[in-house]
Amino acid sequence: MATGDETRLPLTSPDVNSARLDRLREIFPEAFTEGKIDFEKFQQVLSGDVTEAAERYGLSWTGKSEAIKNIQTLTTGTLLPARDE
């Protein structure tokens, strides 16, 4: 039988946006102003790698923006492993 916190699982989902912003802040600190991303500075940092073209391939479906919002929402729902399966 396991003891202590070894087998405890977190009860909330990870904050995906915070993790991404923290990573961007590590890589491009000059693209942030007052703790928030400044898209103009970010674009300047990336210079040649940024395109302003309106046309590109992509997937679109009804409810896509709602699905993205749901993915980014923190949750306390937890899936527990079925160790005997």
PDB file of N, CA and C in Angstrom:
ATOM      1  N   MET A   1       0.845  -1.171   0.000  1.00  0.00           N
ATOM      2  CA  MET A   1       0.000   0.000   0.000  1.00  0.00           C
ATOM      3  C   MET A   1       0.896   1.242   0.000  1.00  0.00           C
ATOM      4  N   ALA A   2       0.558   2.218  -0.807  1.00  0.00           N
ATOM      5  CA  ALA A   2       1.360   3.438  -0.916  1.00  0.00           C
ATOM      6  C   ALA A   2       1.096   4.342   0.282  1.00  0.00           C
ATOM      7  N   THR A   3       2.131   5.076   0.651  1.00  0.00           N
ATOM      8  CA  THR A   3       1.982   5.989   1.773  1.00  0.00           C
ATOM      9  C   THR A   3       2.196   7.416   1.320  1.00  0.00           C
ATOM     10  N   GLY A   4       1.587   8.351   2.034  1.00  0.00           N
ATOM     11  CA  GLY A   4       1.843   9.768   1.782  1.00  0.00           C
ATOM     12  C   GLY A   4       1.242  10.278   0.493  1.00  0.00           C
ATOM     13  N   ASP A   5       1.883  11.309  -0.067  1.00  0.00           N
ATOM     14  CA  ASP A   5       1.370  12.008  -1.240  1.00  0.00           C
ATOM     15  C   ASP A   5       1.870  11.426  -2.556  1.00  0.00           C
ATOM     16  N   GLU A   6       2.536  10.277  -2.532  1.00  0.00           N
ATOM     17  CA  GLU A   6       3.096   9.686  -3.744  1.00  0.00           C
ATOM     18  C   GLU A   6       2.032   9.408  -4.805  1.00  0.00           C
ATOM     19  N   THR A   7       0.857   8.985  -4.371  1.00  0.00           N
ATOM     20  CA  THR A   7      -0.184   8.594  -5.316  1.00  0.00           C
ATOM     21  C   THR A   7      -1.247   9.655  -5.499  1.00  0.00           C
ATOM     22  N   ARG A   8      -1.091  10.797  -4.861  1.00  0.00           N
ATOM     23  CA  ARG A   8      -2.096  11.858  -4.996  1.00  0.00           C
ATOM     24  C   ARG A   8      -2.021  12.505  -6.362  1.00  0.00           C
ATOM     25  N   LEU A   9      -3.155  12.680  -6.947  1.00  0.00           N
ATOM     26  CA  LEU A   9      -3.242  13.346  -8.238  1.00  0.00           C
ATOM     27  C   LEU A   9      -3.770  14.764  -8.033  1.00  0.00           C
ATOM     28  N   PRO A  10      -3.344  15.712  -8.870  1.00  0.00           N
ATOM     29  CA  PRO A  10      -3.874  17.068  -8.733  1.00  0.00           C
ATOM     30  C   PRO A  10      -5.377  17.083  -9.015  1.00  0.00           C
ATOM     31  N   LEU A  11      -6.098  17.925  -8.301  1.00  0.00           N
ATOM     32  CA  LEU A  11      -7.550  17.982  -8.441  1.00  0.00           C
ATOM     33  C   LEU A  11      -8.009  19.041  -9.433  1.00  0.00           C
ATOM     34  N   THR A  12      -7.094  19.775 -10.031  1.00  0.00           N
ATOM     35  CA  THR A  12      -7.452  20.780 -11.024  1.00  0.00           C
ATOM     36  C   THR A  12      -6.661  20.548 -12.294  1.00  0.00           C
ATOM     37  N   SER A  13      -7.205  21.045 -13.381  1.00  0.00           N
ATOM     38  CA  SER A  13      -6.498  20.930 -14.648  1.00  0.00           C
ATOM     39  C   SER A  13      -5.394  21.981 -14.704  1.00  0.00           C
ATOM     40  N   PRO A  14      -4.373  21.751 -15.517  1.00  0.00           N
ATOM     41  CA  PRO A  14      -3.311  22.750 -15.628  1.00  0.00           C
ATOM     42  C   PRO A  14      -3.814  24.008 -16.326  1.00  0.00           C
ATOM     43  N   ASP A  15      -3.262  25.153 -15.967  1.00  0.00           N
ATOM     44  CA  ASP A  15      -3.608  26.423 -16.599  1.00  0.00           C
ATOM     45  C   ASP A  15      -2.744  26.562 -17.844  1.00  0.00           C
ATOM     46  N   VAL A  16      -3.283  26.154 -18.978  1.00  0.00           N
ATOM     47  CA  VAL A  16      -2.539  26.089 -20.231  1.00  0.00           C
ATOM     48  C   VAL A  16      -2.038  27.469 -20.654  1.00  0.00           C
ATOM     49  N   ASN A  17      -2.884  28.479 -20.559  1.00  0.00           N
ATOM     50  CA  ASN A  17      -2.484  29.819 -20.992  1.00  0.00           C
ATOM     51  C   ASN A  17      -1.355  30.382 -20.150  1.00  0.00           C
ATOM     52  N   SER A  18      -1.406  30.205 -18.843  1.00  0.00           N
ATOM     53  CA  SER A  18      -0.343  30.709 -17.981  1.00  0.00           C
ATOM     54  C   SER A  18       0.981  30.043 -18.311  1.00  0.00           C
ATOM     55  N   ALA A  19       0.945  28.748 -18.533  1.00  0.00           N
ATOM     56  CA  ALA A  19       2.174  28.025 -18.870  1.00  0.00           C
ATOM     57  C   ALA A  19       2.750  28.531 -20.191  1.00  0.00           C
ATOM     58  N   ARG A  20       1.892  28.766 -21.167  1.00  0.00           N
ATOM     59  CA  ARG A  20       2.359  29.269 -22.463  1.00  0.00           C
ATOM     60  C   ARG A  20       2.935  30.674 -22.341  1.00  0.00           C
ATOM     61  N   LEU A  21       2.240  31.541 -21.606  1.00  0.00           N
ATOM     62  CA  LEU A  21       2.729  32.910 -21.420  1.00  0.00           C
ATOM     63  C   LEU A  21       4.041  32.931 -20.656  1.00  0.00           C
ATOM     64  N   ASP A  22       4.169  32.068 -19.644  1.00  0.00           N
ATOM     65  CA  ASP A  22       5.430  31.986 -18.903  1.00  0.00           C
ATOM     66  C   ASP A  22       6.570  31.574 -19.820  1.00  0.00           C
ATOM     67  N   ARG A  23       6.302  30.623 -20.693  1.00  0.00           N
ATOM     68  CA  ARG A  23       7.325  30.159 -21.644  1.00  0.00           C
ATOM     69  C   ARG A  23       7.700  31.273 -22.615  1.00  0.00           C
ATOM     70  N   LEU A  24       6.699  31.981 -23.147  1.00  0.00           N
ATOM     71  CA  LEU A  24       6.974  33.114 -24.040  1.00  0.00           C
ATOM     72  C   LEU A  24       7.771  34.195 -23.315  1.00  0.00           C
ATOM     73  N   ARG A  25       7.429  34.432 -22.053  1.00  0.00           N
ATOM     74  CA  ARG A  25       8.132  35.446 -21.261  1.00  0.00           C
ATOM     75  C   ARG A  25       9.597  35.064 -21.087  1.00  0.00           C
ATOM     76  N   GLU A  26       9.881  33.762 -20.954  1.00  0.00           N
ATOM     77  CA  GLU A  26      11.262  33.276 -20.851  1.00  0.00           C
ATOM     78  C   GLU A  26      12.022  33.513 -22.146  1.00  0.00           C
ATOM     79  N   ILE A  27      11.375  33.201 -23.262  1.00  0.00           N
ATOM     80  CA  ILE A  27      12.040  33.264 -24.558  1.00  0.00           C
ATOM     81  C   ILE A  27      12.124  34.690 -25.092  1.00  0.00           C
ATOM     82  N   PHE A  28      11.045  35.469 -24.946  1.00  0.00           N
ATOM     83  CA  PHE A  28      10.965  36.820 -25.506  1.00  0.00           C
ATOM     84  C   PHE A  28      10.594  37.846 -24.434  1.00  0.00           C
ATOM     85  N   PRO A  29      11.441  38.095 -23.457  1.00  0.00           N
ATOM     86  CA  PRO A  29      11.086  39.055 -22.407  1.00  0.00           C
ATOM     87  C   PRO A  29      10.864  40.467 -22.952  1.00  0.00           C
ATOM     88  N   GLU A  30      11.526  40.814 -24.058  1.00  0.00           N
ATOM     89  CA  GLU A  30      11.378  42.151 -24.632  1.00  0.00           C
ATOM     90  C   GLU A  30      10.018  42.367 -25.281  1.00  0.00           C
ATOM     91  N   ALA A  31       9.233  41.313 -25.460  1.00  0.00           N
ATOM     92  CA  ALA A  31       7.917  41.429 -26.087  1.00  0.00           C
ATOM     93  C   ALA A  31       6.807  41.672 -25.060  1.00  0.00           C
ATOM     94  N   PHE A  32       7.184  41.882 -23.798  1.00  0.00           N
ATOM     95  CA  PHE A  32       6.194  42.092 -22.748  1.00  0.00           C
ATOM     96  C   PHE A  32       6.310  43.496 -22.179  1.00  0.00           C
ATOM     97  N   THR A  33       5.170  44.121 -21.958  1.00  0.00           N
ATOM     98  CA  THR A  33       5.103  45.445 -21.349  1.00  0.00           C
ATOM     99  C   THR A  33       4.136  45.370 -20.179  1.00  0.00           C
ATOM    100  N   GLU A  34       4.584  45.774 -19.008  1.00  0.00           N
ATOM    101  CA  GLU A  34       3.773  45.744 -17.787  1.00  0.00           C
ATOM    102  C   GLU A  34       3.143  44.367 -17.558  1.00  0.00           C
ATOM    103  N   GLY A  35       3.909  43.336 -17.825  1.00  0.00           N
ATOM    104  CA  GLY A  35       3.461  41.971 -17.565  1.00  0.00           C
ATOM    105  C   GLY A  35       2.561  41.358 -18.616  1.00  0.00           C
ATOM    106  N   LYS A  36       2.213  42.126 -19.651  1.00  0.00           N
ATOM    107  CA  LYS A  36       1.334  41.610 -20.699  1.00  0.00           C
ATOM    108  C   LYS A  36       2.065  41.632 -22.030  1.00  0.00           C
ATOM    109  N   ILE A  37       1.664  40.727 -22.912  1.00  0.00           N
ATOM    110  CA  ILE A  37       2.316  40.650 -24.211  1.00  0.00           C
ATOM    111  C   ILE A  37       1.938  41.864 -25.063  1.00  0.00           C
ATOM    112  N   ASP A  38       2.933  42.453 -25.679  1.00  0.00           N
ATOM    113  CA  ASP A  38       2.758  43.584 -26.582  1.00  0.00           C
ATOM    114  C   ASP A  38       2.956  43.033 -27.998  1.00  0.00           C
ATOM    115  N   PHE A  39       1.852  42.873 -28.733  1.00  0.00           N
ATOM    116  CA  PHE A  39       1.915  42.208 -30.029  1.00  0.00           C
ATOM    117  C   PHE A  39       2.764  42.956 -31.049  1.00  0.00           C
ATOM    118  N   GLU A  40       2.796  44.267 -30.963  1.00  0.00           N
ATOM    119  CA  GLU A  40       3.650  45.024 -31.882  1.00  0.00           C
ATOM    120  C   GLU A  40       5.124  44.714 -31.623  1.00  0.00           C
ATOM    121  N   LYS A  41       5.525  44.696 -30.358  1.00  0.00           N
ATOM    122  CA  LYS A  41       6.909  44.356 -30.025  1.00  0.00           C
ATOM    123  C   LYS A  41       7.206  42.907 -30.387  1.00  0.00           C
ATOM    124  N   PHE A  42       6.247  42.039 -30.139  1.00  0.00           N
ATOM    125  CA  PHE A  42       6.424  40.620 -30.462  1.00  0.00           C
ATOM    126  C   PHE A  42       6.641  40.445 -31.957  1.00  0.00           C
ATOM    127  N   GLN A  43       5.875  41.158 -32.746  1.00  0.00           N
ATOM    128  CA  GLN A  43       6.019  41.094 -34.197  1.00  0.00           C
ATOM    129  C   GLN A  43       7.387  41.634 -34.626  1.00  0.00           C
ATOM    130  N   GLN A  44       7.854  42.694 -33.983  1.00  0.00           N
ATOM    131  CA  GLN A  44       9.165  43.241 -34.295  1.00  0.00           C
ATOM    132  C   GLN A  44      10.272  42.239 -33.973  1.00  0.00           C
ATOM    133  N   VAL A  45      10.126  41.534 -32.854  1.00  0.00           N
ATOM    134  CA  VAL A  45      11.121  40.538 -32.456  1.00  0.00           C
ATOM    135  C   VAL A  45      11.207  39.427 -33.492  1.00  0.00           C
ATOM    136  N   LEU A  46      10.059  39.002 -33.997  1.00  0.00           N
ATOM    137  CA  LEU A  46      10.024  37.913 -34.972  1.00  0.00           C
ATOM    138  C   LEU A  46      10.274  38.392 -36.396  1.00  0.00           C
ATOM    139  N   SER A  47      10.168  39.663 -36.632  1.00  0.00           N
ATOM    140  CA  SER A  47      10.361  40.353 -37.917  1.00  0.00           C
ATOM    141  C   SER A  47      10.016  39.505 -39.135  1.00  0.00           C
ATOM    142  N   GLY A  48      10.959  38.874 -39.762  1.00  0.00           N
ATOM    143  CA  GLY A  48      10.735  38.162 -41.014  1.00  0.00           C
ATOM    144  C   GLY A  48       9.875  36.919 -40.903  1.00  0.00           C
ATOM    145  N   ASP A  49       9.648  36.442 -39.705  1.00  0.00           N
ATOM    146  CA  ASP A  49       8.874  35.213 -39.518  1.00  0.00           C
ATOM    147  C   ASP A  49       7.386  35.450 -39.342  1.00  0.00           C
ATOM    148  N   VAL A  50       6.955  36.708 -39.420  1.00  0.00           N
ATOM    149  CA  VAL A  50       5.540  37.034 -39.235  1.00  0.00           C
ATOM    150  C   VAL A  50       4.948  37.423 -40.581  1.00  0.00           C
ATOM    151  N   THR A  51       3.790  36.882 -40.867  1.00  0.00           N
ATOM    152  CA  THR A  51       3.100  37.221 -42.102  1.00  0.00           C
ATOM    153  C   THR A  51       1.780  37.899 -41.783  1.00  0.00           C
ATOM    154  N   GLU A  52       1.394  38.818 -42.618  1.00  0.00           N
ATOM    155  CA  GLU A  52       0.110  39.494 -42.438  1.00  0.00           C
ATOM    156  C   GLU A  52      -0.888  39.061 -43.501  1.00  0.00           C
ATOM    157  N   ALA A  53      -0.569  37.994 -44.202  1.00  0.00           N
ATOM    158  CA  ALA A  53      -1.444  37.507 -45.259  1.00  0.00           C
ATOM    159  C   ALA A  53      -2.772  37.034 -44.669  1.00  0.00           C
ATOM    160  N   ALA A  54      -3.856  37.418 -45.320  1.00  0.00           N
ATOM    161  CA  ALA A  54      -5.183  37.044 -44.835  1.00  0.00           C
ATOM    162  C   ALA A  54      -5.551  35.623 -45.235  1.00  0.00           C
ATOM    163  N   GLU A  55      -4.953  35.101 -46.298  1.00  0.00           N
ATOM    164  CA  GLU A  55      -5.314  33.782 -46.784  1.00  0.00           C
ATOM    165  C   GLU A  55      -4.375  32.707 -46.248  1.00  0.00           C
ATOM    166  N   ARG A  56      -4.966  31.635 -45.770  1.00  0.00           N
ATOM    167  CA  ARG A  56      -4.199  30.478 -45.342  1.00  0.00           C
ATOM    168  C   ARG A  56      -5.161  29.324 -45.134  1.00  0.00           C
ATOM    169  N   TYR A  57      -4.627  28.135 -45.089  1.00  0.00           N
ATOM    170  CA  TYR A  57      -5.457  26.954 -44.871  1.00  0.00           C
ATOM    171  C   TYR A  57      -5.771  26.825 -43.387  1.00  0.00           C
ATOM    172  N   GLY A  58      -6.914  26.247 -43.085  1.00  0.00           N
ATOM    173  CA  GLY A  58      -7.283  26.033 -41.697  1.00  0.00           C
ATOM    174  C   GLY A  58      -8.552  25.210 -41.601  1.00  0.00           C
ATOM    175  N   LEU A  59      -8.828  24.769 -40.425  1.00  0.00           N
ATOM    176  CA  LEU A  59     -10.057  24.016 -40.169  1.00  0.00           C
ATOM    177  C   LEU A  59     -11.026  24.919 -39.430  1.00  0.00           C
ATOM    178  N   SER A  60     -12.257  24.888 -39.851  1.00  0.00           N
ATOM    179  CA  SER A  60     -13.275  25.704 -39.209  1.00  0.00           C
ATOM    180  C   SER A  60     -14.544  24.876 -39.053  1.00  0.00           C
ATOM    181  N   TRP A  61     -15.201  25.037 -37.921  1.00  0.00           N
ATOM    182  CA  TRP A  61     -16.465  24.344 -37.691  1.00  0.00           C
ATOM    183  C   TRP A  61     -17.291  25.158 -36.699  1.00  0.00           C
ATOM    184  N   THR A  62     -18.566  24.904 -36.703  1.00  0.00           N
ATOM    185  CA  THR A  62     -19.462  25.580 -35.776  1.00  0.00           C
ATOM    186  C   THR A  62     -19.092  25.177 -34.353  1.00  0.00           C
ATOM    187  N   GLY A  63     -18.906  26.154 -33.495  1.00  0.00           N
ATOM    188  CA  GLY A  63     -18.561  25.876 -32.102  1.00  0.00           C
ATOM    189  C   GLY A  63     -17.067  25.818 -31.835  1.00  0.00           C
ATOM    190  N   LYS A  64     -16.231  26.132 -32.829  1.00  0.00           N
ATOM    191  CA  LYS A  64     -14.785  26.045 -32.655  1.00  0.00           C
ATOM    192  C   LYS A  64     -14.296  26.998 -31.567  1.00  0.00           C
ATOM    193  N   SER A  65     -14.751  28.244 -31.581  1.00  0.00           N
ATOM    194  CA  SER A  65     -14.295  29.207 -30.567  1.00  0.00           C
ATOM    195  C   SER A  65     -14.754  28.783 -29.172  1.00  0.00           C
ATOM    196  N   GLU A  66     -15.933  28.212 -29.062  1.00  0.00           N
ATOM    197  CA  GLU A  66     -16.424  27.723 -27.772  1.00  0.00           C
ATOM    198  C   GLU A  66     -15.574  26.544 -27.285  1.00  0.00           C
ATOM    199  N   ALA A  67     -15.170  25.668 -28.202  1.00  0.00           N
ATOM    200  CA  ALA A  67     -14.320  24.536 -27.837  1.00  0.00           C
ATOM    201  C   ALA A  67     -12.969  25.019 -27.319  1.00  0.00           C
ATOM    202  N   ILE A  68     -12.406  26.037 -27.950  1.00  0.00           N
ATOM    203  CA  ILE A  68     -11.124  26.590 -27.505  1.00  0.00           C
ATOM    204  C   ILE A  68     -11.263  27.209 -26.120  1.00  0.00           C
ATOM    205  N   LYS A  69     -12.357  27.915 -25.872  1.00  0.00           N
ATOM    206  CA  LYS A  69     -12.598  28.493 -24.539  1.00  0.00           C
ATOM    207  C   LYS A  69     -12.716  27.391 -23.491  1.00  0.00           C
ATOM    208  N   ASN A  70     -13.409  26.305 -23.821  1.00  0.00           N
ATOM    209  CA  ASN A  70     -13.581  25.200 -22.875  1.00  0.00           C
ATOM    210  C   ASN A  70     -12.255  24.529 -22.549  1.00  0.00           C
ATOM    211  N   ILE A  71     -11.389  24.405 -23.529  1.00  0.00           N
ATOM    212  CA  ILE A  71     -10.079  23.799 -23.298  1.00  0.00           C
ATOM    213  C   ILE A  71      -9.273  24.640 -22.319  1.00  0.00           C
ATOM    214  N   GLN A  72      -9.422  25.950 -22.391  1.00  0.00           N
ATOM    215  CA  GLN A  72      -8.633  26.858 -21.570  1.00  0.00           C
ATOM    216  C   GLN A  72      -9.222  27.086 -20.182  1.00  0.00           C
ATOM    217  N   THR A  73     -10.417  26.580 -19.931  1.00  0.00           N
ATOM    218  CA  THR A  73     -11.078  26.750 -18.639  1.00  0.00           C
ATOM    219  C   THR A  73     -10.514  25.763 -17.624  1.00  0.00           C
ATOM    220  N   LEU A  74     -10.169  26.270 -16.441  1.00  0.00           N
ATOM    221  CA  LEU A  74      -9.689  25.385 -15.383  1.00  0.00           C
ATOM    222  C   LEU A  74     -10.837  24.517 -14.888  1.00  0.00           C
ATOM    223  N   THR A  75     -10.534  23.293 -14.548  1.00  0.00           N
ATOM    224  CA  THR A  75     -11.558  22.368 -14.085  1.00  0.00           C
ATOM    225  C   THR A  75     -11.065  21.600 -12.869  1.00  0.00           C
ATOM    226  N   THR A  76     -12.009  21.142 -12.054  1.00  0.00           N
ATOM    227  CA  THR A  76     -11.639  20.316 -10.911  1.00  0.00           C
ATOM    228  C   THR A  76     -11.987  18.854 -11.177  1.00  0.00           C
ATOM    229  N   GLY A  77     -12.524  18.571 -12.362  1.00  0.00           N
ATOM    230  CA  GLY A  77     -12.823  17.196 -12.721  1.00  0.00           C
ATOM    231  C   GLY A  77     -11.532  16.401 -12.878  1.00  0.00           C
ATOM    232  N   THR A  78     -11.506  15.193 -12.368  1.00  0.00           N
ATOM    233  CA  THR A  78     -10.287  14.404 -12.395  1.00  0.00           C
ATOM    234  C   THR A  78     -10.581  13.011 -12.922  1.00  0.00           C
ATOM    235  N   LEU A  79      -9.731  12.547 -13.815  1.00  0.00           N
ATOM    236  CA  LEU A  79      -9.800  11.168 -14.258  1.00  0.00           C
ATOM    237  C   LEU A  79      -8.822  10.369 -13.401  1.00  0.00           C
ATOM    238  N   LEU A  80      -9.303   9.302 -12.836  1.00  0.00           N
ATOM    239  CA  LEU A  80      -8.447   8.455 -12.017  1.00  0.00           C
ATOM    240  C   LEU A  80      -8.069   7.212 -12.802  1.00  0.00           C
ATOM    241  N   PRO A  81      -6.824   6.795 -12.695  1.00  0.00           N
ATOM    242  CA  PRO A  81      -6.402   5.593 -13.428  1.00  0.00           C
ATOM    243  C   PRO A  81      -7.066   4.340 -12.869  1.00  0.00           C
ATOM    244  N   ALA A  82      -7.425   3.439 -13.767  1.00  0.00           N
ATOM    245  CA  ALA A  82      -7.953   2.133 -13.366  1.00  0.00           C
ATOM    246  C   ALA A  82      -6.768   1.171 -13.423  1.00  0.00           C
ATOM    247  N   ARG A  83      -6.072   1.065 -12.324  1.00  0.00           N
ATOM    248  CA  ARG A  83      -4.812   0.325 -12.275  1.00  0.00           C
ATOM    249  C   ARG A  83      -4.970  -1.167 -12.590  1.00  0.00           C
ATOM    250  N   ASP A  84      -6.140  -1.731 -12.348  1.00  0.00           N
ATOM    251  CA  ASP A  84      -6.338  -3.149 -12.604  1.00  0.00           C
ATOM    252  C   ASP A  84      -6.758  -3.429 -14.046  1.00  0.00           C
ATOM    253  N   GLU A  85      -6.905  -2.399 -14.878  1.00  0.00           N
ATOM    254  CA  GLU A  85      -7.285  -2.600 -16.283  1.00  0.00           C
ATOM    255  C   GLU A  85      -6.095  -2.449 -17.182  1.00  0.00           C
TER     256      GLU A  85
END
